[in-house]
C-alpha atoms as a PDB file:
ATOM      1  CA  UNK A   1      -3.110   8.222  -6.825  1.00  0.00           C
ATOM      2  CA  UNK A   2      -0.297   7.579  -9.261  1.00  0.00           C
ATOM      3  CA  UNK A   3       3.082   5.901  -9.230  1.00  0.00           C
ATOM      4  CA  UNK A   4       5.973   5.392 -11.610  1.00  0.00           C
ATOM      5  CA  UNK A   5       6.821   1.820 -12.549  1.00  0.00           C
ATOM      6  CA  UNK A   6       9.107  -0.093 -14.885  1.00  0.00           C
ATOM      7  CA  UNK A   7       7.742  -2.583 -17.401  1.00  0.00           C
ATOM      8  CA  UNK A   8       9.246  -6.031 -16.798  1.00  0.00           C
ATOM      9  CA  UNK A   9       7.073  -8.247 -19.028  1.00  0.00           C
ATOM     10  CA  UNK A  10       4.329  -8.200 -21.665  1.00  0.00           C
ATOM     11  CA  UNK A  11       1.292 -10.483 -21.580  1.00  0.00           C
ATOM     12  CA  UNK A  12      -1.642 -10.646 -23.987  1.00  0.00           C
ATOM     13  CA  UNK A  13      -3.776  -7.625 -23.032  1.00  0.00           C
ATOM     14  CA  UNK A  14      -1.618  -6.657 -20.047  1.00  0.00           C
ATOM     15  CA  UNK A  15       1.839  -5.676 -18.877  1.00  0.00           C
ATOM     16  CA  UNK A  16       3.713  -6.623 -15.731  1.00  0.00           C
ATOM     17  CA  UNK A  17       5.283  -3.636 -14.004  1.00  0.00           C
ATOM     18  CA  UNK A  18       7.646  -3.377 -11.076  1.00  0.00           C
ATOM     19  CA  UNK A  19       7.400  -0.496  -8.664  1.00  0.00           C
ATOM     20  CA  UNK A  20       8.979   0.276  -5.331  1.00  0.00           C
ATOM     21  CA  UNK A  21       6.835   0.608  -2.231  1.00  0.00           C
ATOM     22  CA  UNK A  22       6.701   4.228  -1.169  1.00  0.00           C
ATOM     23  CA  UNK A  23       7.015   5.406   2.380  1.00  0.00           C
ATOM     24  CA  UNK A  24       6.114   8.864   3.631  1.00  0.00           C
ATOM     25  CA  UNK A  25       9.009   8.701   6.067  1.00  0.00           C
ATOM     26  CA  UNK A  26      11.854  10.955   5.102  1.00  0.00           C
ATOM     27  CA  UNK A  27       9.547  13.628   3.691  1.00  0.00           C
ATOM     28  CA  UNK A  28       9.318  15.844   6.779  1.00  0.00           C
ATOM     29  CA  UNK A  29      11.816  18.132   8.477  1.00  0.00           C
ATOM     30  CA  UNK A  30      12.339  15.731  11.409  1.00  0.00           C
ATOM     31  CA  UNK A  31      13.827  12.902   9.349  1.00  0.00           C
ATOM     32  CA  UNK A  32      17.311  13.226  10.871  1.00  0.00           C
ATOM     33  CA  UNK A  33      16.077  12.851  14.452  1.00  0.00           C
ATOM     34  CA  UNK A  34      13.141  10.494  13.881  1.00  0.00           C
ATOM     35  CA  UNK A  35      13.803   6.813  14.534  1.00  0.00           C
ATOM     36  CA  UNK A  36      11.315   5.696  11.896  1.00  0.00           C
ATOM     37  CA  UNK A  37      12.899   7.929   9.264  1.00  0.00           C
ATOM     38  CA  UNK A  38      16.360   6.565  10.035  1.00  0.00           C
ATOM     39  CA  UNK A  39      15.135   2.966   9.772  1.00  0.00           C
ATOM     40  CA  UNK A  40      13.355   3.687   6.471  1.00  0.00           C
ATOM     41  CA  UNK A  41      16.635   5.013   5.035  1.00  0.00           C
ATOM     42  CA  UNK A  42      18.560   1.919   6.150  1.00  0.00           C
ATOM     43  CA  UNK A  43      16.108  -0.634   4.762  1.00  0.00           C
ATOM     44  CA  UNK A  44      15.406  -0.640   1.035  1.00  0.00           C
ATOM     45  CA  UNK A  45      11.816  -0.361  -0.145  1.00  0.00           C
ATOM     46  CA  UNK A  46       9.996  -3.503  -1.191  1.00  0.00           C
ATOM     47  CA  UNK A  47       9.574  -4.139  -4.922  1.00  0.00           C
ATOM     48  CA  UNK A  48       6.111  -5.138  -6.144  1.00  0.00           C
ATOM     49  CA  UNK A  49       5.199  -6.680  -9.472  1.00  0.00           C
ATOM     50  CA  UNK A  50       1.709  -5.741 -10.633  1.00  0.00           C
ATOM     51  CA  UNK A  51      -0.370  -6.825 -13.620  1.00  0.00           C
ATOM     52  CA  UNK A  52      -1.811  -3.789 -15.406  1.00  0.00           C
ATOM     53  CA  UNK A  53      -4.246  -4.045 -18.345  1.00  0.00           C
ATOM     54  CA  UNK A  54      -2.819  -2.611 -21.554  1.00  0.00           C
ATOM     55  CA  UNK A  55      -4.247  -2.695 -25.074  1.00  0.00           C
ATOM     56  CA  UNK A  56      -0.790  -2.472 -26.654  1.00  0.00           C
ATOM     57  CA  UNK A  57       2.518  -4.041 -25.622  1.00  0.00           C
ATOM     58  CA  UNK A  58       5.064  -1.711 -24.031  1.00  0.00           C
ATOM     59  CA  UNK A  59       8.819  -2.198 -24.413  1.00  0.00           C
ATOM     60  CA  UNK A  60      10.455  -3.875 -21.438  1.00  0.00           C
ATOM     61  CA  UNK A  61      12.433  -1.399 -19.353  1.00  0.00           C
ATOM     62  CA  UNK A  62      10.108   1.483 -20.240  1.00  0.00           C
ATOM     63  CA  UNK A  63       8.877   3.767 -17.499  1.00  0.00           C
ATOM     64  CA  UNK A  64       5.106   4.026 -17.157  1.00  0.00           C
ATOM     65  CA  UNK A  65       2.740   5.884 -14.899  1.00  0.00           C
ATOM     66  CA  UNK A  66       0.073   3.737 -13.277  1.00  0.00           C
ATOM     67  CA  UNK A  67      -2.822   4.903 -11.189  1.00  0.00           C
ATOM     68  CA  UNK A  68      -5.536   3.833  -8.816  1.00  0.00           C
ATOM     69  CA  UNK A  69      -8.711   5.785  -8.190  1.00  0.00           C
ATOM     70  CA  UNK A  70      -8.749   7.738  -4.964  1.00  0.00           C
ATOM     71  CA  UNK A  71     -12.132   6.284  -4.078  1.00  0.00           C
ATOM     72  CA  UNK A  72     -10.900   2.686  -4.195  1.00  0.00           C
ATOM     73  CA  UNK A  73      -7.794   3.617  -2.199  1.00  0.00           C
ATOM     74  CA  UNK A  74      -9.846   5.285   0.537  1.00  0.00           C
ATOM     75  CA  UNK A  75     -12.339   2.401   0.648  1.00  0.00           C
ATOM     76  CA  UNK A  76      -9.460  -0.046   0.994  1.00  0.00           C
ATOM     77  CA  UNK A  77      -7.998   1.978   3.860  1.00  0.00           C
ATOM     78  CA  UNK A  78     -11.352   2.012   5.662  1.00  0.00           C
ATOM     79  CA  UNK A  79     -11.711  -1.736   5.227  1.00  0.00           C
ATOM     80  CA  UNK A  80      -8.184  -2.613   6.321  1.00  0.00           C
ATOM     81  CA  UNK A  81      -7.765  -0.160   9.209  1.00  0.00           C
ATOM     82  CA  UNK A  82     -11.099   1.048  10.551  1.00  0.00           C
ATOM     83  CA  UNK A  83     -13.169  -2.158  10.570  1.00  0.00           C
ATOM     84  CA  UNK A  84     -10.695  -4.048  12.821  1.00  0.00           C
ATOM     85  CA  UNK A  85     -10.199  -0.978  15.025  1.00  0.00           C
ATOM     86  CA  UNK A  86     -13.923  -0.458  15.557  1.00  0.00           C
ATOM     87  CA  UNK A  87     -14.361  -4.190  16.121  1.00  0.00           C
ATOM     88  CA  UNK A  88     -11.724  -4.074  18.840  1.00  0.00           C
ATOM     89  CA  UNK A  89     -13.460  -1.147  20.520  1.00  0.00           C
ATOM     90  CA  UNK A  90     -16.927  -2.720  20.242  1.00  0.00           C
ATOM     91  CA  UNK A  91     -15.535  -5.990  21.625  1.00  0.00           C
ATOM     92  CA  UNK A  92     -14.085  -4.114  24.600  1.00  0.00           C
ATOM     93  CA  UNK A  93     -17.355  -2.295  25.302  1.00  0.00           C
ATOM     94  CA  UNK A  94     -19.438  -5.473  25.008  1.00  0.00           C
ATOM     95  CA  UNK A  95     -16.902  -7.365  27.133  1.00  0.00           C
ATOM     96  CA  UNK A  96     -17.002  -4.640  29.777  1.00  0.00           C
ATOM     97  CA  UNK A  97     -20.788  -4.787  29.900  1.00  0.00           C
ATOM     98  CA  UNK A  98     -20.988  -8.604  29.857  1.00  0.00           C
ATOM     99  CA  UNK A  99     -18.102  -9.630  32.069  1.00  0.00           C
ATOM    100  CA  UNK A 100     -17.598  -6.736  34.465  1.00  0.00           C
ATOM    101  CA  UNK A 101     -20.985  -5.055  34.800  1.00  0.00           C
ATOM    102  CA  UNK A 102     -23.272  -8.122  34.587  1.00  0.00           C
ATOM    103  CA  UNK A 103     -21.103 -11.015  35.784  1.00  0.00           C
ATOM    104  CA  UNK A 104     -18.785  -9.117  38.119  1.00  0.00           C
ATOM    105  CA  UNK A 105     -15.771 -10.897  36.643  1.00  0.00           C
ATOM    106  CA  UNK A 106     -12.341  -9.431  35.932  1.00  0.00           C
ATOM    107  CA  UNK A 107     -10.696  -7.710  33.009  1.00  0.00           C
ATOM    108  CA  UNK A 108      -9.640 -10.962  31.318  1.00  0.00           C
ATOM    109  CA  UNK A 109     -13.099 -11.368  29.790  1.00  0.00           C
ATOM    110  CA  UNK A 110     -12.967  -7.832  28.410  1.00  0.00           C
ATOM    111  CA  UNK A 111      -9.595  -8.436  26.814  1.00  0.00           C
ATOM    112  CA  UNK A 112     -10.628 -11.777  25.330  1.00  0.00           C
ATOM    113  CA  UNK A 113     -13.880 -10.415  23.888  1.00  0.00           C
ATOM    114  CA  UNK A 114     -12.071  -7.424  22.352  1.00  0.00           C
ATOM    115  CA  UNK A 115      -9.385  -9.629  20.805  1.00  0.00           C
ATOM    116  CA  UNK A 116     -11.964 -12.189  19.674  1.00  0.00           C
ATOM    117  CA  UNK A 117     -14.112  -9.640  17.841  1.00  0.00           C
ATOM    118  CA  UNK A 118     -11.025  -7.964  16.345  1.00  0.00           C
ATOM    119  CA  UNK A 119      -9.693 -11.349  15.180  1.00  0.00           C
ATOM    120  CA  UNK A 120     -13.048 -12.216  13.637  1.00  0.00           C
ATOM    121  CA  UNK A 121     -13.108  -8.892  11.838  1.00  0.00           C
ATOM    122  CA  UNK A 122      -9.635  -9.564  10.425  1.00  0.00           C
ATOM    123  CA  UNK A 123     -10.911 -12.796   8.872  1.00  0.00           C
ATOM    124  CA  UNK A 124     -13.900 -10.874   7.465  1.00  0.00           C
ATOM    125  CA  UNK A 125     -11.618  -8.149   6.082  1.00  0.00           C
ATOM    126  CA  UNK A 126      -9.338 -10.723   4.459  1.00  0.00           C
ATOM    127  CA  UNK A 127     -12.269 -12.344   2.626  1.00  0.00           C
ATOM    128  CA  UNK A 128     -13.734  -8.974   1.632  1.00  0.00           C
ATOM    129  CA  UNK A 129     -10.366  -7.785   0.308  1.00  0.00           C
ATOM    130  CA  UNK A 130     -10.015 -10.948  -1.783  1.00  0.00           C
ATOM    131  CA  UNK A 131     -13.425 -10.264  -3.366  1.00  0.00           C
ATOM    132  CA  UNK A 132     -12.668  -6.600  -4.009  1.00  0.00           C
ATOM    133  CA  UNK A 133      -9.252  -7.353  -5.525  1.00  0.00           C
ATOM    134  CA  UNK A 134     -10.961  -8.917  -8.539  1.00  0.00           C
ATOM    135  CA  UNK A 135     -13.137  -5.871  -9.256  1.00  0.00           C
ATOM    136  CA  UNK A 136     -11.981  -3.582 -12.044  1.00  0.00           C
ATOM    137  CA  UNK A 137     -12.231  -0.403  -9.955  1.00  0.00           C
ATOM    138  CA  UNK A 138      -9.643  -1.823  -7.533  1.00  0.00           C
ATOM    139  CA  UNK A 139      -7.130  -2.642 -10.290  1.00  0.00           C
ATOM    140  CA  UNK A 140      -4.400  -0.180 -11.274  1.00  0.00           C
ATOM    141  CA  UNK A 141      -4.664   1.325 -14.742  1.00  0.00           C
ATOM    142  CA  UNK A 142      -2.040   2.460 -17.226  1.00  0.00           C
ATOM    143  CA  UNK A 143      -2.131   6.236 -17.407  1.00  0.00           C
ATOM    144  CA  UNK A 144       0.721   6.890 -19.837  1.00  0.00           C
ATOM    145  CA  UNK A 145       3.963   5.498 -21.172  1.00  0.00           C
ATOM    146  CA  UNK A 146       6.877   7.772 -20.338  1.00  0.00           C
ATOM    147  CA  UNK A 147       9.480   5.967 -22.443  1.00  0.00           C
ATOM    148  CA  UNK A 148      12.776   4.339 -21.701  1.00  0.00           C
ATOM    149  CA  UNK A 149      14.957   5.697 -18.885  1.00  0.00           C
ATOM    150  CA  UNK A 150      18.177   7.492 -19.800  1.00  0.00           C
ATOM    151  CA  UNK A 151      21.261   5.321 -19.829  1.00  0.00           C
ATOM    152  CA  UNK A 152      24.012   6.322 -17.422  1.00  0.00           C
ATOM    153  CA  UNK A 153      26.328   7.077 -20.335  1.00  0.00           C
ATOM    154  CA  UNK A 154      23.860   9.573 -21.817  1.00  0.00           C
ATOM    155  CA  UNK A 155      23.525  11.710 -18.696  1.00  0.00           C
ATOM    156  CA  UNK A 156      25.686  14.817 -18.783  1.00  0.00           C
ATOM    157  CA  UNK A 157      26.399  16.686 -15.604  1.00  0.00           C
ATOM    158  CA  UNK A 158      26.096  20.405 -16.397  1.00  0.00           C
ATOM    159  CA  UNK A 159      28.393  21.372 -13.545  1.00  0.00           C
ATOM    160  CA  UNK A 160      31.261  19.347 -15.039  1.00  0.00           C
ATOM    161  CA  UNK A 161      30.836  21.041 -18.403  1.00  0.00           C
ATOM    162  CA  UNK A 162      30.776  24.610 -17.050  1.00  0.00           C
ATOM    163  CA  UNK A 163      33.625  24.336 -14.547  1.00  0.00           C
ATOM    164  CA  UNK A 164      36.381  23.958 -17.148  1.00  0.00           C
END
């Protein structure tokens, strides 16, 4: 998984890059009639500043390509999305068995047990993510330096040149 970023600062042994959060909205054929696609066009993407290890300094303003291994991205998605979801489902099943089947109580116990287990799993996921964030395999790496972006004055529109 790769992304383009702009170098904003140099540190000893690393660079700080700024990249815009990507959204998949707006990539399909339904973007004009989809509410989510319309909202994603109206709101600008969030800018992130990321520290990326680099053996050599890179000129500020240069475009670089950074990447993250697909394995670490998929593991992160499982941790962030599936663990709380499965915890919610397990909490609902256990709550159903405990409160409705055994105790003959109402649905409130089922809801509270599902939310309690899901909330506990969110705390677990937060701590696990903090540990994994420090591992090298979960850090983005510098793939290549693309150079400085073209200045607006250097861009020539071919259509303007040919239409005379």
